[in-house]
Amino acid sequence: MSEHHEHDHHHEEEGPHCSFSGYMIGFMLSVFLTAIPFWLVMGDVFTSKGITTMMILGFAVVQIVVHMVYFLHMNFQSEGGWNMLALLFTAVLLFITLAGSLWVMYHMNINMMPGMS
């Protein structure tokens, strides 16, 4: 019976392993995804600060995905997809919390400070 348990122990699902080239690809992508927004700001590429801000936020989101895939090894296959499902659930909750908080603060500012606008 102990032989059966020992046999099951060796077949447990392990996390994904990444090669040196995988880490280097992730590192190079991270460097480029940091350097491009830096260049956008320092080179004053866009005349509108809003466009520059949106571009920086876009690069930040892409960099988060790169870090999760190449360094945290998160994908839909690891751990039966549960870690990615938990990440998506966390992202939805975070979005709801932030959007709701901004919505409430905006409306409170408009309704509570009528003489200030």
N, C-alpha and C. Protein backbone atom coordinates (compact mmCIF):
# COMPACT_ATOMS: atom_id res chain seq x y z
N MET A 1 0.81 -1.17 0.00
CA MET A 1 0.00 0.00 0.00
C MET A 1 0.87 1.25 0.00
N SER A 2 1.96 1.26 0.74
CA SER A 2 2.85 2.42 0.74
C SER A 2 3.47 2.60 -0.64
N GLU A 3 3.66 1.49 -1.37
CA GLU A 3 4.20 1.58 -2.70
C GLU A 3 3.24 2.35 -3.62
N HIS A 4 1.94 2.14 -3.43
CA HIS A 4 0.93 2.81 -4.23
C HIS A 4 0.94 4.32 -3.96
N HIS A 5 1.05 4.71 -2.70
CA HIS A 5 1.08 6.14 -2.35
C HIS A 5 2.36 6.79 -2.87
N GLU A 6 3.46 6.07 -2.78
CA GLU A 6 4.71 6.60 -3.27
C GLU A 6 4.64 6.81 -4.78
N HIS A 7 4.00 5.88 -5.47
CA HIS A 7 3.86 5.97 -6.91
C HIS A 7 3.01 7.19 -7.29
N ASP A 8 1.94 7.47 -6.55
CA ASP A 8 1.08 8.61 -6.82
C ASP A 8 1.81 9.93 -6.55
N HIS A 9 2.67 9.91 -5.56
CA HIS A 9 3.39 11.12 -5.18
C HIS A 9 4.29 11.60 -6.33
N HIS A 10 4.88 10.69 -7.08
CA HIS A 10 5.79 11.06 -8.15
C HIS A 10 5.06 11.62 -9.37
N HIS A 11 3.76 11.37 -9.47
CA HIS A 11 3.01 11.82 -10.64
C HIS A 11 2.18 13.07 -10.36
N GLU A 12 2.46 13.76 -9.26
CA GLU A 12 1.76 15.01 -9.00
C GLU A 12 2.17 16.04 -10.04
N GLU A 13 1.24 16.91 -10.36
CA GLU A 13 1.50 17.92 -11.36
C GLU A 13 2.47 18.96 -10.82
N GLU A 14 3.55 19.16 -11.54
CA GLU A 14 4.53 20.16 -11.15
C GLU A 14 4.28 21.42 -11.96
N GLY A 15 4.77 22.54 -11.46
CA GLY A 15 4.64 23.79 -12.20
C GLY A 15 5.49 23.76 -13.45
N PRO A 16 5.18 24.61 -14.40
CA PRO A 16 5.96 24.62 -15.64
C PRO A 16 7.37 25.11 -15.40
N HIS A 17 8.27 24.55 -16.16
CA HIS A 17 9.67 24.94 -16.06
C HIS A 17 10.02 25.76 -17.29
N CYS A 18 10.85 26.73 -17.12
CA CYS A 18 11.23 27.60 -18.23
C CYS A 18 12.73 27.47 -18.48
N SER A 19 13.10 27.60 -19.72
CA SER A 19 14.51 27.50 -20.08
C SER A 19 15.16 28.88 -19.97
N PHE A 20 16.46 28.89 -20.10
CA PHE A 20 17.21 30.15 -20.06
C PHE A 20 16.75 31.07 -21.17
N SER A 21 16.49 30.50 -22.36
CA SER A 21 16.04 31.34 -23.48
C SER A 21 14.67 31.95 -23.19
N GLY A 22 13.80 31.22 -22.49
CA GLY A 22 12.50 31.77 -22.12
C GLY A 22 12.64 32.96 -21.18
N TYR A 23 13.54 32.82 -20.20
CA TYR A 23 13.79 33.93 -19.29
C TYR A 23 14.41 35.13 -20.02
N MET A 24 15.29 34.87 -20.96
CA MET A 24 15.92 35.97 -21.71
C MET A 24 14.91 36.68 -22.60
N ILE A 25 13.99 35.92 -23.21
CA ILE A 25 12.94 36.55 -24.01
C ILE A 25 12.10 37.45 -23.11
N GLY A 26 11.71 36.96 -21.95
CA GLY A 26 10.94 37.76 -21.00
C GLY A 26 11.69 38.99 -20.56
N PHE A 27 12.99 38.83 -20.30
CA PHE A 27 13.81 39.96 -19.87
C PHE A 27 13.91 41.02 -20.97
N MET A 28 14.17 40.58 -22.20
CA MET A 28 14.30 41.53 -23.31
C MET A 28 12.97 42.25 -23.57
N LEU A 29 11.86 41.52 -23.51
CA LEU A 29 10.56 42.17 -23.67
C LEU A 29 10.33 43.19 -22.56
N SER A 30 10.72 42.85 -21.35
CA SER A 30 10.56 43.78 -20.22
C SER A 30 11.40 45.04 -20.42
N VAL A 31 12.61 44.88 -20.93
CA VAL A 31 13.47 46.04 -21.18
C VAL A 31 12.85 46.94 -22.24
N PHE A 32 12.38 46.34 -23.34
CA PHE A 32 11.76 47.14 -24.40
C PHE A 32 10.47 47.80 -23.92
N LEU A 33 9.70 47.08 -23.13
CA LEU A 33 8.43 47.63 -22.65
C LEU A 33 8.65 48.70 -21.57
N THR A 34 9.85 48.81 -21.06
CA THR A 34 10.21 49.91 -20.15
C THR A 34 10.84 51.06 -20.93
N ALA A 35 11.68 50.74 -21.90
CA ALA A 35 12.40 51.77 -22.65
C ALA A 35 11.48 52.57 -23.55
N ILE A 36 10.49 51.94 -24.16
CA ILE A 36 9.61 52.66 -25.08
C ILE A 36 8.80 53.74 -24.36
N PRO A 37 8.13 53.45 -23.22
CA PRO A 37 7.45 54.54 -22.52
C PRO A 37 8.40 55.64 -22.04
N PHE A 38 9.60 55.24 -21.63
CA PHE A 38 10.60 56.23 -21.22
C PHE A 38 10.91 57.17 -22.38
N TRP A 39 11.09 56.61 -23.57
CA TRP A 39 11.35 57.41 -24.76
C TRP A 39 10.15 58.29 -25.11
N LEU A 40 8.93 57.75 -24.94
CA LEU A 40 7.73 58.54 -25.23
C LEU A 40 7.68 59.81 -24.36
N VAL A 41 8.07 59.68 -23.10
CA VAL A 41 8.03 60.82 -22.19
C VAL A 41 9.22 61.76 -22.44
N MET A 42 10.41 61.21 -22.47
CA MET A 42 11.61 62.04 -22.59
C MET A 42 11.72 62.70 -23.97
N GLY A 43 11.24 62.01 -25.01
CA GLY A 43 11.30 62.58 -26.36
C GLY A 43 10.12 63.47 -26.69
N ASP A 44 9.16 63.55 -25.78
CA ASP A 44 7.95 64.36 -26.00
C ASP A 44 7.34 64.03 -27.36
N VAL A 45 7.12 62.73 -27.59
CA VAL A 45 6.68 62.22 -28.88
C VAL A 45 5.27 62.70 -29.22
N PHE A 46 4.35 62.64 -28.27
CA PHE A 46 2.98 63.07 -28.51
C PHE A 46 2.77 64.45 -27.90
N THR A 47 2.02 65.30 -28.59
CA THR A 47 1.75 66.63 -28.06
C THR A 47 0.72 66.56 -26.93
N SER A 48 -0.16 65.59 -26.98
CA SER A 48 -1.20 65.44 -25.95
C SER A 48 -0.69 64.58 -24.80
N LYS A 49 -0.83 65.12 -23.58
CA LYS A 49 -0.42 64.35 -22.40
C LYS A 49 -1.35 63.16 -22.18
N GLY A 50 -2.61 63.29 -22.60
CA GLY A 50 -3.57 62.19 -22.47
C GLY A 50 -3.18 60.99 -23.31
N ILE A 51 -2.74 61.23 -24.55
CA ILE A 51 -2.31 60.13 -25.42
C ILE A 51 -1.07 59.47 -24.83
N THR A 52 -0.13 60.28 -24.36
CA THR A 52 1.08 59.73 -23.74
C THR A 52 0.73 58.88 -22.53
N THR A 53 -0.20 59.35 -21.71
CA THR A 53 -0.62 58.58 -20.53
C THR A 53 -1.25 57.26 -20.94
N MET A 54 -2.13 57.29 -21.93
CA MET A 54 -2.78 56.05 -22.38
C MET A 54 -1.76 55.07 -22.96
N MET A 55 -0.78 55.58 -23.70
CA MET A 55 0.26 54.70 -24.25
C MET A 55 1.08 54.05 -23.13
N ILE A 56 1.44 54.85 -22.12
CA ILE A 56 2.20 54.31 -20.99
C ILE A 56 1.39 53.25 -20.26
N LEU A 57 0.11 53.51 -20.04
CA LEU A 57 -0.74 52.52 -19.38
C LEU A 57 -0.88 51.26 -20.22
N GLY A 58 -0.97 51.42 -21.54
CA GLY A 58 -1.04 50.25 -22.42
C GLY A 58 0.23 49.40 -22.33
N PHE A 59 1.38 50.05 -22.36
CA PHE A 59 2.64 49.32 -22.22
C PHE A 59 2.75 48.67 -20.85
N ALA A 60 2.22 49.31 -19.82
CA ALA A 60 2.25 48.73 -18.47
C ALA A 60 1.42 47.45 -18.42
N VAL A 61 0.26 47.46 -19.04
CA VAL A 61 -0.59 46.26 -19.06
C VAL A 61 0.11 45.13 -19.81
N VAL A 62 0.72 45.45 -20.94
CA VAL A 62 1.44 44.42 -21.70
C VAL A 62 2.60 43.88 -20.88
N GLN A 63 3.29 44.76 -20.15
CA GLN A 63 4.42 44.31 -19.34
C GLN A 63 3.95 43.41 -18.20
N ILE A 64 2.80 43.70 -17.61
CA ILE A 64 2.26 42.82 -16.57
C ILE A 64 2.02 41.44 -17.13
N VAL A 65 1.45 41.36 -18.34
CA VAL A 65 1.19 40.06 -18.96
C VAL A 65 2.51 39.34 -19.24
N VAL A 66 3.51 40.07 -19.75
CA VAL A 66 4.82 39.45 -20.01
C VAL A 66 5.41 38.87 -18.73
N HIS A 67 5.34 39.61 -17.64
CA HIS A 67 5.89 39.12 -16.37
C HIS A 67 5.13 37.88 -15.89
N MET A 68 3.82 37.89 -16.03
CA MET A 68 3.04 36.74 -15.57
C MET A 68 3.33 35.50 -16.40
N VAL A 69 3.51 35.66 -17.70
CA VAL A 69 3.75 34.50 -18.56
C VAL A 69 5.18 34.00 -18.45
N TYR A 70 6.16 34.90 -18.56
CA TYR A 70 7.55 34.47 -18.62
C TYR A 70 8.21 34.24 -17.26
N PHE A 71 7.79 34.96 -16.23
CA PHE A 71 8.46 34.83 -14.94
C PHE A 71 7.61 34.11 -13.90
N LEU A 72 6.30 34.31 -13.91
CA LEU A 72 5.43 33.61 -12.96
C LEU A 72 4.85 32.33 -13.55
N HIS A 73 5.08 32.10 -14.85
CA HIS A 73 4.66 30.88 -15.55
C HIS A 73 3.16 30.64 -15.43
N MET A 74 2.40 31.70 -15.50
CA MET A 74 0.94 31.56 -15.42
C MET A 74 0.38 31.35 -16.82
N ASN A 75 -0.35 30.26 -16.96
CA ASN A 75 -1.07 29.99 -18.21
C ASN A 75 -2.29 29.13 -17.89
N PHE A 76 -3.05 28.80 -18.90
CA PHE A 76 -4.28 28.05 -18.66
C PHE A 76 -4.03 26.56 -18.44
N GLN A 77 -2.80 26.08 -18.65
CA GLN A 77 -2.50 24.66 -18.43
C GLN A 77 -1.98 24.37 -17.04
N SER A 78 -1.26 25.30 -16.44
CA SER A 78 -0.66 25.03 -15.13
C SER A 78 -1.74 24.94 -14.06
N GLU A 79 -1.61 23.96 -13.21
CA GLU A 79 -2.54 23.69 -12.11
C GLU A 79 -3.98 23.57 -12.58
N GLY A 80 -4.14 22.99 -13.76
CA GLY A 80 -5.47 22.78 -14.29
C GLY A 80 -6.20 24.05 -14.65
N GLY A 81 -5.48 25.15 -14.80
CA GLY A 81 -6.09 26.42 -15.15
C GLY A 81 -6.63 27.21 -13.97
N TRP A 82 -6.51 26.65 -12.77
CA TRP A 82 -7.08 27.32 -11.59
C TRP A 82 -6.37 28.61 -11.24
N ASN A 83 -5.05 28.67 -11.43
CA ASN A 83 -4.36 29.91 -11.09
C ASN A 83 -4.74 31.04 -12.05
N MET A 84 -4.98 30.71 -13.31
CA MET A 84 -5.42 31.75 -14.25
C MET A 84 -6.86 32.17 -13.96
N LEU A 85 -7.69 31.22 -13.58
CA LEU A 85 -9.06 31.54 -13.21
C LEU A 85 -9.09 32.45 -11.97
N ALA A 86 -8.23 32.16 -11.01
CA ALA A 86 -8.14 33.01 -9.82
C ALA A 86 -7.64 34.40 -10.19
N LEU A 87 -6.70 34.48 -11.12
CA LEU A 87 -6.20 35.77 -11.57
C LEU A 87 -7.30 36.58 -12.25
N LEU A 88 -8.07 35.94 -13.12
CA LEU A 88 -9.15 36.63 -13.81
C LEU A 88 -10.21 37.12 -12.81
N PHE A 89 -10.53 36.29 -11.83
CA PHE A 89 -11.49 36.67 -10.80
C PHE A 89 -10.97 37.88 -10.02
N THR A 90 -9.70 37.87 -9.67
CA THR A 90 -9.09 38.99 -8.95
C THR A 90 -9.12 40.26 -9.80
N ALA A 91 -8.84 40.14 -11.10
CA ALA A 91 -8.86 41.30 -11.99
C ALA A 91 -10.27 41.88 -12.09
N VAL A 92 -11.28 41.03 -12.16
CA VAL A 92 -12.66 41.51 -12.23
C VAL A 92 -13.03 42.24 -10.94
N LEU A 93 -12.69 41.65 -9.80
CA LEU A 93 -12.98 42.31 -8.53
C LEU A 93 -12.24 43.64 -8.40
N LEU A 94 -11.00 43.68 -8.83
CA LEU A 94 -10.22 44.91 -8.78
C LEU A 94 -10.85 45.98 -9.67
N PHE A 95 -11.27 45.60 -10.87
CA PHE A 95 -11.91 46.54 -11.77
C PHE A 95 -13.21 47.09 -11.18
N ILE A 96 -14.03 46.19 -10.64
CA ILE A 96 -15.30 46.62 -10.03
C ILE A 96 -15.03 47.58 -8.86
N THR A 97 -14.07 47.25 -8.03
CA THR A 97 -13.76 48.09 -6.87
C THR A 97 -13.24 49.46 -7.29
N LEU A 98 -12.29 49.49 -8.23
CA LEU A 98 -11.73 50.77 -8.66
C LEU A 98 -12.76 51.61 -9.42
N ALA A 99 -13.48 50.99 -10.35
CA ALA A 99 -14.46 51.74 -11.13
C ALA A 99 -15.58 52.26 -10.22
N GLY A 100 -16.04 51.43 -9.30
CA GLY A 100 -17.08 51.86 -8.38
C GLY A 100 -16.62 52.98 -7.47
N SER A 101 -15.39 52.88 -6.98
CA SER A 101 -14.86 53.93 -6.10
C SER A 101 -14.72 55.24 -6.84
N LEU A 102 -14.20 55.20 -8.06
CA LEU A 102 -14.07 56.43 -8.84
C LEU A 102 -15.44 57.02 -9.17
N TRP A 103 -16.40 56.18 -9.48
CA TRP A 103 -17.75 56.64 -9.79
C TRP A 103 -18.37 57.33 -8.57
N VAL A 104 -18.24 56.70 -7.41
CA VAL A 104 -18.81 57.28 -6.19
C VAL A 104 -18.11 58.60 -5.86
N MET A 105 -16.78 58.63 -5.94
CA MET A 105 -16.07 59.87 -5.61
C MET A 105 -16.41 61.00 -6.59
N TYR A 106 -16.55 60.69 -7.85
CA TYR A 106 -16.91 61.69 -8.84
C TYR A 106 -18.29 62.28 -8.53
N HIS A 107 -19.26 61.42 -8.28
CA HIS A 107 -20.61 61.90 -8.01
C HIS A 107 -20.71 62.61 -6.67
N MET A 108 -19.96 62.18 -5.69
CA MET A 108 -19.95 62.91 -4.42
C MET A 108 -19.35 64.30 -4.61
N ASN A 109 -18.29 64.41 -5.40
CA ASN A 109 -17.68 65.69 -5.66
C ASN A 109 -18.66 66.62 -6.36
N ILE A 110 -19.38 66.12 -7.33
CA ILE A 110 -20.34 66.93 -8.08
C ILE A 110 -21.52 67.35 -7.20
N ASN A 111 -22.02 66.43 -6.40
CA ASN A 111 -23.23 66.70 -5.62
C ASN A 111 -22.96 67.40 -4.29
N MET A 112 -21.81 67.24 -3.71
CA MET A 112 -21.54 67.82 -2.40
C MET A 112 -20.88 69.19 -2.47
N MET A 113 -20.32 69.55 -3.61
CA MET A 113 -19.62 70.81 -3.74
C MET A 113 -20.22 71.64 -4.88
N PRO A 114 -21.50 72.00 -4.81
CA PRO A 114 -22.12 72.70 -5.93
C PRO A 114 -21.54 74.10 -6.18
N GLY A 115 -21.12 74.80 -5.16
CA GLY A 115 -20.59 76.14 -5.33
C GLY A 115 -19.16 76.18 -5.85
N MET A 116 -18.46 75.06 -5.80
CA MET A 116 -17.05 75.03 -6.17
C MET A 116 -16.84 74.86 -7.68
N SER A 117 -17.83 74.37 -8.39
CA SER A 117 -17.65 74.14 -9.83
C SER A 117 -18.08 75.33 -10.59
